[in-house]
Structure formats: structure tokens, C-alpha cells
Amino acid sequence: MVAEKTKYILEESRMPTAWYNLAADLPVPPPPVLHPGTGQPVGPADLEPLFPMELILQEVATDRYVDIPAEIQAIYRMWRPTPLYRAHRLERALDTPARIFYKYEGVSPAGSHKPNTAVPQAWYNKQAGVKRLTTETGAGQWGSALSIACAFFGIELKVYMVKVSYFQKPYRRALMETFGATCVPSPSPDTNAGRAILAADPESNGSLGIAISEAVEDAALRDDTKYSLGSVLNHVLMHQTIIGQEAQLQLEEADAWPDVIFGCVGGGSNFAGLTFPFIQQKLQGRDVRIVAAEPAACPTLTRGIYAYDFGDTSMMTPLVKMHTLGHTFVPAGIHAGGLRYHGMAPLVSLAKELNLIEAEAYPQTAVFDAAVRFARAEGILPAPESAHAIKGGIDEALRCKEAGEAKTILIGLSGHGNFDLGAYESYVAGNLVDYEHPQAEIERALAELPMR
């Protein structure tokens, strides 16, 4: 009997050497980014206080591929290419005829996909002579990744961590501090934006929008500092496309092509990284269904609207056209902290508008049910964010069982949950509750959109 192959591992020599830019292949150009003061399209000079010029050029790039510098490739090879797994044990546990694969990014130094963009962002800032970076983080995955990247290049880092996650996930904070970053709960007393939020609501749980306001303000007021963002922007999504490019090569080795792909979405970076290379194939006529899995407590794609909005609560960022719940939206303190963002990446939002992707929203307890089911079969504890994609994949596999269809399912497992044991402790104790945001509160936030 021939043993069933479980892991598909590429040689380092086959790691992709360029990032893929979906904007080059879309049938319509992405809507322009607008200046918050004038309402006119922003130029490079408008973004230069926050980002080094090379990242600005990537943000507006129209080339299909952007070469990955050799220095970045060398660091990538510390964990890349990442493995693609065939989930044989999960398939048997579900008694499904479907074939289930998952692309696992938890083997990175930070335990998630985030270093794929943290390393290039830190490197480009280092090349530009930047001494200090500021950023925000929700669950702490992005802050962890950027703290590691900054340690590699000798850059000082200050992280504004959403307050509810700061206390929910103390070991994420400890990891950042171990690598030399300074991490504070947001809203904080360190910025005008933070002080204003605390004055209005001293018990504020915080939000990614608030944390972005603090990090942007901090960077804008210091000549030695730039801002770094872990999701949403075009260059961030582009850096992540190494995931999907690798997955395509690995699926070729498995003689497989996905009928359906599930990825979790918060700001959109890991979802884009996995799916954009497949969307390229879809635009060329190859059939694939792509589903963005999001939390019912922060349903940006399923209940937000497609409109221009600020990326932050204090209205300091440029205006981007995206699916949004409104920049004043403050989500519930669910454990999937990386998915608690009011807006969706403009390119992911445009893909949704063009019907290239679909979206599903899932409640917290059902997501953790799926995560535990996966962990007990496959032995990997998924991050709460990634568990949304697993929930979608398991549901699809069970539909295949009912219909007798042998579909091929690809799941983006964007990180492990080893730092999220507090969430699993709450789940096991039966203390997790579902939360679906009231429509009246969503409408209240949407009423404050600048250009509705």
C-alpha cells in the first residue's frame, strides 16, 4: 500500500522571487486614494511623512510583478516556503468525500503570515534611513511580526495595541517586548487622539481605528519616525501574495486545483495573500470559488457598505474606497482580535464588488467549535482569526458529504493559536458568547461617513 502524502514542501530554490500585484489584472482600475482635506487624489508627497518612497511606489504600482530584493528573500528563507498540508485526518473525522488542503503560515518566527510584509517594510525603512517606526496591532500578531523585523534591522518600534487584546493576550505583548518593542494599550495617554478617546470614555476597549490614529499621530510628529501598517494597503497585500504563489506550486505537485478557497478577513492581508494569485487565474477563465470568512461581530463585507471612509477613528488618514462599517465603529471584544477592523482592504473590497469573491459571517462559538474539531484531528491549534476560514472549510466539507461531491477545498491557516490560550480556556469553560452587532449601531457609524 502506498502511503498517502500529507506535506507538500517546496525547495527553497522554488520560492517565488516576485510579489504579485492584482491591480494590474483587474478589469477596472482601483478608485483613487483621496486627500482628507481637499478630496483630491493623493500624490507621493502626501504620503511621504508616513512611508518611505519605495513603499509608496509599490502602493501605486501597476506592474504585474515586483521583484523581491535578495536581502528580503534571504530572511524569507528562514521559514519559507511554508508547507501545504493535506488534511487526511480531518477528512476522515468529517467522513467527507472532499479533499481538504490547508496552507500553514504558523511556521514563521511570529507564528503567523505577518512577517511576509513586516520584513520588507522594515527593510525598506532601513534603506531610507528611518530610525523608528510606529504601528498598531489588534490580537498582537502584527505587532509581534514587526517587532521581530525591527530587531533584525536595528529599528526602534512603538506598538499601540488595542486595549481589550492587550489584556486578553499578555504573552503577545511579552513577545513584542522581548524583541525590543515598546507596547502600550490603546487608547493611551501618549497621544492627543488617545487622550480624547479616554476623556470621552475612560473604559474604552479600544479599536484598530483608534490605535491607527495614535500610531499615525506619533509618526507624523517626529522626523525620525515612519508609520507601518500590517494590512489593508495595496503594498501590504502584495507582499503577502507569496503565500498563494507557493500554494499554486504545491497544489500542482498534489495534482489538485481548488474548487473553493476559504480565508479569514479582518483588514484583508492574509486573505489577499492566499487568494489574489488564484483570482488572477479566475480572471483568465479558470473556475474557482473564493470565500472570505469574517466574524458576525464585525461584519465588514457582509453588512458594511462600499464607500470612501477614513482608515482611523480620528480622521487623520487619507480616504479610501472600501467596504466599511464606519470609522467610528467600535466592535465587541471578541477573541479574534485581528478581525476587529471597521474597514476592508480596498483591493479586497473591489474584488467583492466585481463578484470575484464571496463573503460569509460566522458567530464566535461556532468558529471555536470548528477550531477545536480541527485541532483534535490535525494537531494544530488555529489562531481564532484563522478558525473562521476553518469553519467555512468544514461546513463546505459537510455539504460535500450530504451531496456526495468530491470537491477540493483549500483553507488559509494564517497562524497558530499558541498565544491565544486564554480564548480557548474561555471556550472550554463555556464562557464564550456570540455577539451580532445591532444594525442600529452600524447605521449610526455609517451615518458619519465623510462622503456617503
Protein backbone atom coordinates (compact mmCIF):
# COMPACT_ATOMS: atom_id res chain seq x y z
CA MET A 1 0.00 0.00 0.00
CA VAL A 2 1.35 3.43 -0.98
CA ALA A 3 1.32 5.88 1.92
CA GLU A 4 -0.88 8.92 1.47
CA LYS A 5 1.17 12.09 1.10
CA THR A 6 0.47 14.65 3.83
CA LYS A 7 3.00 17.50 3.41
CA TYR A 8 3.89 19.35 0.23
CA ILE A 9 7.12 21.21 0.85
CA LEU A 10 8.86 23.28 -1.81
CA GLU A 11 12.62 23.51 -2.01
CA GLU A 12 13.95 26.96 -1.09
CA SER A 13 15.13 27.32 -4.68
CA ARG A 14 11.48 27.28 -5.83
CA MET A 15 10.35 30.09 -3.53
CA PRO A 16 8.75 32.86 -5.64
CA THR A 17 11.10 35.78 -6.26
CA ALA A 18 8.47 38.43 -7.04
CA TRP A 19 5.29 39.65 -5.39
CA TYR A 20 2.07 39.65 -7.46
CA ASN A 21 0.05 42.85 -7.94
CA LEU A 22 -3.65 42.11 -8.57
CA ALA A 23 -4.30 45.73 -9.60
CA ALA A 24 -2.52 45.00 -12.89
CA ASP A 25 -5.14 42.41 -13.89
CA LEU A 26 -8.44 43.81 -12.62
CA PRO A 27 -10.94 44.81 -15.33
CA VAL A 28 -11.31 48.28 -13.76
CA PRO A 29 -8.70 50.45 -12.04
CA PRO A 30 -8.89 50.77 -8.25
CA PRO A 31 -10.58 54.01 -7.10
CA PRO A 32 -8.02 56.69 -6.18
CA VAL A 33 -7.00 57.41 -2.60
CA LEU A 34 -8.23 60.89 -1.65
CA HIS A 35 -6.68 63.62 0.48
CA PRO A 36 -8.79 64.13 3.63
CA GLY A 37 -8.56 67.91 3.35
CA THR A 38 -9.05 68.54 -0.35
CA GLY A 39 -10.88 65.44 -1.52
CA GLN A 40 -8.42 65.23 -4.42
CA PRO A 41 -6.30 62.16 -5.24
CA VAL A 42 -3.21 61.97 -3.06
CA GLY A 43 0.28 62.13 -4.52
CA PRO A 44 3.54 60.63 -3.26
CA ALA A 45 4.38 63.84 -1.39
CA ASP A 46 1.18 63.47 0.67
CA LEU A 47 2.24 60.02 1.88
CA GLU A 48 5.95 60.72 2.38
CA PRO A 49 5.59 61.83 6.04
CA LEU A 50 4.34 58.31 6.85
CA PHE A 51 6.06 55.91 4.44
CA PRO A 52 9.41 55.56 2.66
CA MET A 53 9.24 56.31 -1.06
CA GLU A 54 9.83 52.71 -2.19
CA LEU A 55 6.69 51.55 -0.34
CA ILE A 56 4.72 54.49 -1.73
CA LEU A 57 5.75 53.46 -5.25
CA GLN A 58 4.62 49.90 -4.52
CA GLU A 59 1.31 51.25 -3.21
CA VAL A 60 0.52 52.83 -6.60
CA ALA A 61 2.32 50.25 -8.77
CA THR A 62 0.64 48.99 -11.93
CA ASP A 63 3.27 46.36 -12.76
CA ARG A 64 2.04 42.78 -12.52
CA TYR A 65 5.07 41.66 -10.54
CA VAL A 66 7.50 43.45 -8.20
CA ASP A 67 10.86 41.78 -7.59
CA ILE A 68 11.64 40.73 -4.02
CA PRO A 69 15.09 42.13 -3.06
CA ALA A 70 17.73 39.48 -2.41
CA GLU A 71 18.17 40.60 1.22
CA ILE A 72 14.46 40.02 1.87
CA GLN A 73 14.50 36.66 0.10
CA ALA A 74 17.35 35.58 2.39
CA ILE A 75 15.26 36.33 5.50
CA TYR A 76 12.15 34.75 3.98
CA ARG A 77 14.10 31.51 3.62
CA MET A 78 14.27 31.26 7.42
CA TRP A 79 10.70 29.90 7.23
CA ARG A 80 9.62 29.96 3.62
CA PRO A 81 8.38 28.17 1.62
CA THR A 82 5.71 27.24 4.15
CA PRO A 83 4.04 23.81 4.00
CA LEU A 84 0.81 22.85 2.33
CA TYR A 85 -0.93 20.02 4.19
CA ARG A 86 -3.49 17.51 3.04
CA ALA A 87 -5.90 17.18 5.97
CA HIS A 88 -6.37 13.40 5.80
CA ARG A 89 -7.31 13.06 9.47
CA LEU A 90 -9.87 15.88 9.29
CA GLU A 91 -11.38 14.37 6.14
CA ARG A 92 -11.84 11.06 7.94
CA ALA A 93 -13.23 12.74 11.05
CA LEU A 94 -15.82 14.52 8.91
CA ASP A 95 -16.46 11.40 6.78
CA THR A 96 -16.40 13.61 3.71
CA PRO A 97 -15.50 12.73 0.11
CA ALA A 98 -13.93 16.20 -0.20
CA ARG A 99 -10.18 16.67 -0.36
CA ILE A 100 -9.09 19.32 2.16
CA PHE A 101 -5.77 21.16 1.94
CA TYR A 102 -4.51 23.94 4.16
CA LYS A 103 -1.64 26.37 3.62
CA TYR A 104 0.02 26.84 7.02
CA GLU A 105 1.70 30.16 7.88
CA GLY A 106 2.18 29.36 11.58
CA VAL A 107 5.75 28.16 10.97
CA SER A 108 7.04 31.74 10.76
CA PRO A 109 9.02 33.25 13.68
CA ALA A 110 5.92 35.18 14.78
CA GLY A 111 3.57 32.24 14.29
CA SER A 112 1.54 33.90 11.55
CA HIS A 113 1.65 35.28 7.99
CA LYS A 114 2.52 38.78 9.18
CA PRO A 115 6.34 38.61 8.76
CA ASN A 116 5.78 38.34 4.99
CA THR A 117 5.18 42.10 4.99
CA ALA A 118 6.87 43.09 8.27
CA VAL A 119 10.30 42.12 6.94
CA PRO A 120 10.08 44.09 3.67
CA GLN A 121 8.53 47.10 5.39
CA ALA A 122 11.31 47.20 7.98
CA TRP A 123 13.94 46.67 5.27
CA TYR A 124 12.66 49.48 3.03
CA ASN A 125 12.50 51.82 6.03
CA LYS A 126 16.06 50.87 6.98
CA GLN A 127 17.21 51.62 3.44
CA ALA A 128 15.59 55.05 3.74
CA GLY A 129 17.46 55.81 6.98
CA VAL A 130 14.42 55.57 9.26
CA LYS A 131 15.35 55.09 12.92
CA ARG A 132 11.94 54.47 14.49
CA LEU A 133 8.57 53.01 13.47
CA THR A 134 5.11 53.18 15.00
CA THR A 135 2.26 50.79 14.40
CA GLU A 136 -0.99 49.42 15.78
CA THR A 137 -1.93 45.82 16.49
CA GLY A 138 -5.16 44.05 17.33
CA ALA A 139 -4.54 40.50 18.51
CA GLY A 140 -0.81 41.14 18.55
CA GLN A 141 0.22 39.06 15.55
CA TRP A 142 1.21 42.12 13.53
CA GLY A 143 2.97 43.80 16.45
CA SER A 144 4.89 40.58 17.11
CA ALA A 145 5.96 40.27 13.48
CA LEU A 146 7.07 43.89 13.17
CA SER A 147 8.97 43.73 16.47
CA ILE A 148 10.95 40.77 15.12
CA ALA A 149 11.60 42.54 11.80
CA CYS A 150 12.70 45.73 13.56
CA ALA A 151 15.06 43.69 15.74
CA PHE A 152 16.60 42.24 12.56
CA PHE A 153 17.34 45.74 11.23
CA GLY A 154 18.02 47.70 14.42
CA ILE A 155 14.91 49.93 14.23
CA GLU A 156 13.09 51.22 17.33
CA LEU A 157 9.39 50.30 17.46
CA LYS A 158 6.38 51.54 19.40
CA VAL A 159 3.21 49.46 19.22
CA TYR A 160 -0.27 50.71 20.13
CA MET A 161 -2.19 47.53 20.99
CA VAL A 162 -5.99 47.53 21.14
CA LYS A 163 -6.70 47.62 24.87
CA VAL A 164 -9.03 44.63 25.07
CA SER A 165 -6.40 42.45 23.35
CA TYR A 166 -3.58 43.96 25.43
CA PHE A 167 -5.18 42.38 28.49
CA GLN A 168 -6.62 39.30 26.76
CA LYS A 169 -3.27 38.31 25.24
CA PRO A 170 -0.43 39.26 27.63
CA TYR A 171 2.06 36.87 26.03
CA ARG A 172 1.78 38.63 22.68
CA ARG A 173 2.84 41.80 24.49
CA ALA A 174 5.65 39.89 26.19
CA LEU A 175 6.87 38.62 22.82
CA MET A 176 6.98 42.15 21.40
CA GLU A 177 8.88 43.42 24.41
CA THR A 178 11.32 40.51 24.23
CA PHE A 179 12.27 41.67 20.74
CA GLY A 180 12.76 45.24 21.98
CA ALA A 181 9.48 46.95 21.10
CA THR A 182 7.55 49.26 23.41
CA CYS A 183 3.90 48.20 23.65
CA VAL A 184 1.11 50.28 25.22
CA PRO A 185 -2.66 49.70 25.45
CA SER A 186 -4.72 51.86 23.10
CA PRO A 187 -6.37 54.26 23.71
CA SER A 188 -3.34 55.56 25.61
CA PRO A 189 -2.45 58.82 27.32
CA ASP A 190 0.58 59.13 25.00
CA THR A 191 -1.20 60.89 22.10
CA ASN A 192 -3.82 63.58 21.57
CA ALA A 193 -6.05 61.01 19.85
CA GLY A 194 -5.77 58.60 22.76
CA ARG A 195 -6.36 61.26 25.39
CA ALA A 196 -9.50 62.45 23.56
CA ILE A 197 -10.95 58.93 23.46
CA LEU A 198 -10.16 58.35 27.14
CA ALA A 199 -11.75 61.66 28.10
CA ALA A 200 -14.97 60.64 26.32
CA ASP A 201 -14.89 57.01 27.50
CA PRO A 202 -12.34 56.13 30.21
CA GLU A 203 -13.34 52.44 29.95
CA SER A 204 -12.96 52.24 26.15
CA ASN A 205 -11.93 48.78 24.92
CA GLY A 206 -10.18 50.47 22.03
CA SER A 207 -10.32 49.55 18.35
CA LEU A 208 -7.92 49.20 15.47
CA GLY A 209 -9.21 52.53 14.16
CA ILE A 210 -8.26 54.24 17.43
CA ALA A 211 -4.87 52.52 17.55
CA ILE A 212 -4.15 53.59 13.97
CA SER A 213 -4.97 57.20 14.91
CA GLU A 214 -2.43 57.03 17.74
CA ALA A 215 0.31 55.43 15.66
CA VAL A 216 -0.19 57.85 12.75
CA GLU A 217 -0.14 60.88 15.07
CA ASP A 218 3.02 59.63 16.78
CA ALA A 219 4.80 59.14 13.43
CA ALA A 220 3.64 62.45 11.97
CA LEU A 221 5.06 64.45 14.88
CA ARG A 222 8.62 63.05 14.69
CA ASP A 223 11.12 63.48 11.88
CA ASP A 224 12.93 60.23 12.72
CA THR A 225 9.75 58.11 12.63
CA LYS A 226 7.60 56.47 9.96
CA TYR A 227 4.37 54.51 10.26
CA SER A 228 3.94 50.85 9.36
CA LEU A 229 0.62 49.16 8.66
CA GLY A 230 0.07 45.40 8.79
CA SER A 231 -2.94 45.10 6.49
CA VAL A 232 -5.35 46.99 4.19
CA LEU A 233 -2.90 48.87 1.95
CA ASN A 234 -2.00 47.62 -1.53
CA HIS A 235 1.71 47.12 -0.85
CA VAL A 236 0.93 45.09 2.28
CA LEU A 237 -1.41 42.77 0.38
CA MET A 238 1.12 42.44 -2.42
CA HIS A 239 3.87 41.28 -0.02
CA GLN A 240 1.56 38.51 1.17
CA THR A 241 0.97 37.05 -2.31
CA ILE A 242 3.98 34.81 -1.88
CA ILE A 243 1.53 32.60 0.07
CA GLY A 244 -0.80 31.97 -2.86
CA GLN A 245 2.01 31.62 -5.38
CA GLU A 246 3.61 28.91 -3.27
CA ALA A 247 0.24 27.21 -2.78
CA GLN A 248 -0.27 27.01 -6.54
CA LEU A 249 3.09 25.27 -7.00
CA GLN A 250 2.32 22.87 -4.16
CA LEU A 251 -1.14 22.04 -5.48
CA GLU A 252 0.45 21.22 -8.83
CA GLU A 253 2.59 18.66 -7.01
CA ALA A 254 -0.58 17.26 -5.44
CA ASP A 255 -2.25 17.17 -8.88
CA ALA A 256 -5.04 19.30 -7.44
CA TRP A 257 -6.87 22.55 -8.13
CA PRO A 258 -9.24 24.05 -5.52
CA ASP A 259 -12.94 24.17 -6.24
CA VAL A 260 -13.34 26.53 -3.28
CA ILE A 261 -10.93 28.56 -1.13
CA PHE A 262 -11.64 29.88 2.37
CA GLY A 263 -9.60 32.62 4.04
CA CYS A 264 -10.35 34.74 7.09
CA VAL A 265 -10.68 38.51 6.67
CA GLY A 266 -10.14 41.42 9.04
CA GLY A 267 -8.17 44.01 7.12
CA GLY A 268 -7.59 41.55 4.28
CA SER A 269 -3.86 40.82 4.16
CA ASN A 270 -3.70 37.04 4.66
CA PHE A 271 -6.84 36.54 2.58
CA ALA A 272 -5.35 38.56 -0.27
CA GLY A 273 -2.03 36.80 0.07
CA LEU A 274 -3.61 33.39 -0.41
CA THR A 275 -6.31 34.25 -2.93
CA PHE A 276 -5.03 37.01 -5.24
CA PRO A 277 -2.85 34.64 -7.32
CA PHE A 278 -5.93 32.43 -7.70
CA ILE A 279 -8.08 35.44 -8.64
CA GLN A 280 -5.54 36.06 -11.41
CA GLN A 281 -6.28 32.55 -12.69
CA LYS A 282 -10.02 33.14 -12.29
CA LEU A 283 -9.78 36.28 -14.41
CA GLN A 284 -8.08 34.15 -17.05
CA GLY A 285 -11.05 31.77 -17.10
CA ARG A 286 -10.15 29.11 -14.56
CA ASP A 287 -13.04 28.20 -12.28
CA VAL A 288 -12.63 28.69 -8.52
CA ARG A 289 -14.97 29.89 -5.79
CA ILE A 290 -13.33 32.16 -3.21
CA VAL A 291 -14.96 32.87 0.17
CA ALA A 292 -13.93 35.49 2.73
CA ALA A 293 -14.82 34.38 6.26
CA GLU A 294 -15.42 37.15 8.80
CA PRO A 295 -16.86 37.45 12.34
CA ALA A 296 -20.54 38.24 12.79
CA ALA A 297 -19.45 40.77 15.43
CA CYS A 298 -17.52 42.82 12.85
CA PRO A 299 -19.22 42.04 9.52
CA THR A 300 -17.43 44.45 7.20
CA LEU A 301 -18.02 42.65 3.88
CA THR A 302 -21.44 41.20 4.69
CA ARG A 303 -23.08 44.23 6.36
CA GLY A 304 -20.84 47.21 5.62
CA ILE A 305 -21.20 49.46 2.59
CA TYR A 306 -18.77 50.22 -0.23
CA ALA A 307 -17.84 53.86 0.25
CA TYR A 308 -15.00 56.28 0.90
CA ASP A 309 -14.02 56.34 4.55
CA PHE A 310 -11.13 57.08 6.87
CA GLY A 311 -8.88 54.25 7.95
CA ASP A 312 -8.76 55.58 11.51
CA THR A 313 -11.15 56.92 14.12
CA SER A 314 -9.66 60.42 14.41
CA MET A 315 -9.87 61.05 10.64
CA MET A 316 -6.15 61.60 10.07
CA THR A 317 -5.62 59.06 7.28
CA PRO A 318 -6.41 59.53 3.58
CA LEU A 319 -9.84 58.46 2.36
CA VAL A 320 -10.02 55.07 0.68
CA LYS A 321 -12.94 53.37 -1.02
CA MET A 322 -13.65 50.16 0.82
CA HIS A 323 -16.32 48.09 2.48
CA THR A 324 -16.72 49.81 5.83
CA LEU A 325 -18.82 49.83 8.99
CA GLY A 326 -17.82 53.46 9.60
CA HIS A 327 -14.62 54.82 11.11
CA THR A 328 -16.36 55.43 14.46
CA PHE A 329 -17.46 51.78 14.69
CA VAL A 330 -16.15 50.05 17.84
CA PRO A 331 -16.60 46.27 17.72
CA ALA A 332 -17.27 43.92 20.60
CA GLY A 333 -14.24 42.41 22.35
CA ILE A 334 -14.36 39.04 20.58
CA HIS A 335 -11.24 36.91 20.79
CA ALA A 336 -10.45 37.12 17.07
CA GLY A 337 -8.75 40.46 17.69
CA GLY A 338 -7.10 40.56 14.28
CA LEU A 339 -10.52 40.68 12.60
CA ARG A 340 -11.91 43.62 14.59
CA TYR A 341 -11.41 46.36 11.98
CA HIS A 342 -14.12 48.64 10.64
CA GLY A 343 -12.86 48.61 7.05
CA MET A 344 -11.69 46.12 4.45
CA ALA A 345 -8.68 46.42 2.16
CA PRO A 346 -9.64 48.46 -0.94
CA LEU A 347 -8.46 45.73 -3.33
CA VAL A 348 -10.38 43.02 -1.44
CA SER A 349 -13.42 45.31 -1.39
CA LEU A 350 -13.16 45.90 -5.13
CA ALA A 351 -12.85 42.15 -5.75
CA LYS A 352 -16.09 41.70 -3.80
CA GLU A 353 -17.81 44.43 -5.84
CA LEU A 354 -16.67 42.69 -9.03
CA ASN A 355 -18.12 39.38 -7.77
CA LEU A 356 -14.70 37.75 -7.82
CA ILE A 357 -15.12 36.72 -4.18
CA GLU A 358 -17.97 35.97 -1.76
CA ALA A 359 -18.25 36.60 1.98
CA GLU A 360 -19.72 34.72 4.95
CA ALA A 361 -20.00 35.86 8.59
CA TYR A 362 -19.77 33.39 11.46
CA PRO A 363 -20.56 33.66 15.20
CA GLN A 364 -17.75 33.22 17.72
CA THR A 365 -18.82 29.97 19.38
CA ALA A 366 -19.34 28.14 16.06
CA VAL A 367 -15.89 29.29 14.98
CA PHE A 368 -14.28 27.88 18.13
CA ASP A 369 -16.27 24.65 17.70
CA ALA A 370 -14.65 24.30 14.27
CA ALA A 371 -11.21 25.25 15.62
CA VAL A 372 -11.31 22.55 18.29
CA ARG A 373 -12.59 19.99 15.82
CA PHE A 374 -9.69 20.85 13.51
CA ALA A 375 -7.13 20.80 16.34
CA ARG A 376 -8.22 17.39 17.58
CA ALA A 377 -7.88 15.96 14.08
CA GLU A 378 -4.81 17.78 12.74
CA GLY A 379 -2.91 18.59 15.95
CA ILE A 380 -2.52 22.32 15.22
CA LEU A 381 -4.30 24.86 17.41
CA PRO A 382 -5.52 27.55 14.99
CA ALA A 383 -5.46 31.26 15.74
CA PRO A 384 -9.02 32.47 16.44
CA GLU A 385 -8.81 34.53 13.24
CA SER A 386 -7.77 31.55 11.10
CA ALA A 387 -10.53 29.47 12.67
CA HIS A 388 -13.09 31.47 10.68
CA ALA A 389 -11.62 30.03 7.47
CA ILE A 390 -11.61 26.57 9.05
CA LYS A 391 -15.30 26.98 9.94
CA GLY A 392 -16.07 27.75 6.30
CA GLY A 393 -13.99 24.81 5.08
CA ILE A 394 -15.60 22.33 7.47
CA ASP A 395 -19.09 23.50 6.53
CA GLU A 396 -18.23 23.02 2.86
CA ALA A 397 -16.81 19.56 3.51
CA LEU A 398 -20.01 18.56 5.31
CA ARG A 399 -22.07 19.87 2.37
CA CYS A 400 -19.94 17.66 0.14
CA LYS A 401 -20.77 14.72 2.39
CA GLU A 402 -24.52 15.37 2.07
CA ALA A 403 -24.30 15.82 -1.69
CA GLY A 404 -21.76 13.08 -2.34
CA GLU A 405 -19.42 15.57 -4.07
CA ALA A 406 -15.65 15.13 -4.02
CA LYS A 407 -14.68 18.80 -4.16
CA THR A 408 -11.19 20.09 -3.41
CA ILE A 409 -11.13 22.65 -0.59
CA LEU A 410 -8.22 24.96 0.23
CA ILE A 411 -8.10 26.69 3.62
CA GLY A 412 -5.77 29.51 4.62
CA LEU A 413 -4.42 28.66 8.09
CA SER A 414 -2.83 32.05 8.69
CA GLY A 415 -1.33 31.32 12.11
CA HIS A 416 -1.31 29.15 15.21
CA GLY A 417 -3.24 29.89 18.40
CA ASN A 418 -0.48 29.11 20.91
CA PHE A 419 -0.64 32.67 22.25
CA ASP A 420 -4.44 32.59 22.33
CA LEU A 421 -4.95 30.01 25.04
CA GLY A 422 -6.99 32.46 27.10
CA ALA A 423 -9.62 32.33 24.36
CA TYR A 424 -9.58 28.53 24.30
CA GLU A 425 -9.75 28.46 28.10
CA SER A 426 -12.93 30.55 27.89
CA TYR A 427 -14.31 28.23 25.21
CA VAL A 428 -13.63 25.06 27.20
CA ALA A 429 -15.19 26.65 30.30
CA GLY A 430 -18.31 27.53 28.31
CA ASN A 431 -17.82 31.26 28.80
CA LEU A 432 -17.71 32.38 25.18
CA VAL A 433 -20.78 34.25 23.99
CA ASP A 434 -21.91 35.14 20.49
CA TYR A 435 -22.34 38.76 19.57
CA GLU A 436 -24.02 40.11 16.48
CA HIS A 437 -23.66 43.86 16.17
CA PRO A 438 -27.04 45.67 16.29
CA GLN A 439 -27.98 47.18 12.95
CA ALA A 440 -28.88 50.46 14.65
CA GLU A 441 -25.31 50.87 15.89
CA ILE A 442 -23.91 50.06 12.45
CA GLU A 443 -26.25 52.64 10.90
CA ARG A 444 -25.13 55.19 13.47
CA ALA A 445 -21.49 54.72 12.49
CA LEU A 446 -22.30 54.70 8.77
CA ALA A 447 -24.15 58.00 9.13
CA GLU A 448 -20.79 59.62 9.89
CA LEU A 449 -19.13 58.56 6.65
CA PRO A 450 -17.48 61.59 5.04
CA MET A 451 -18.79 61.05 1.51
CA ARG A 452 -21.91 58.90 1.81
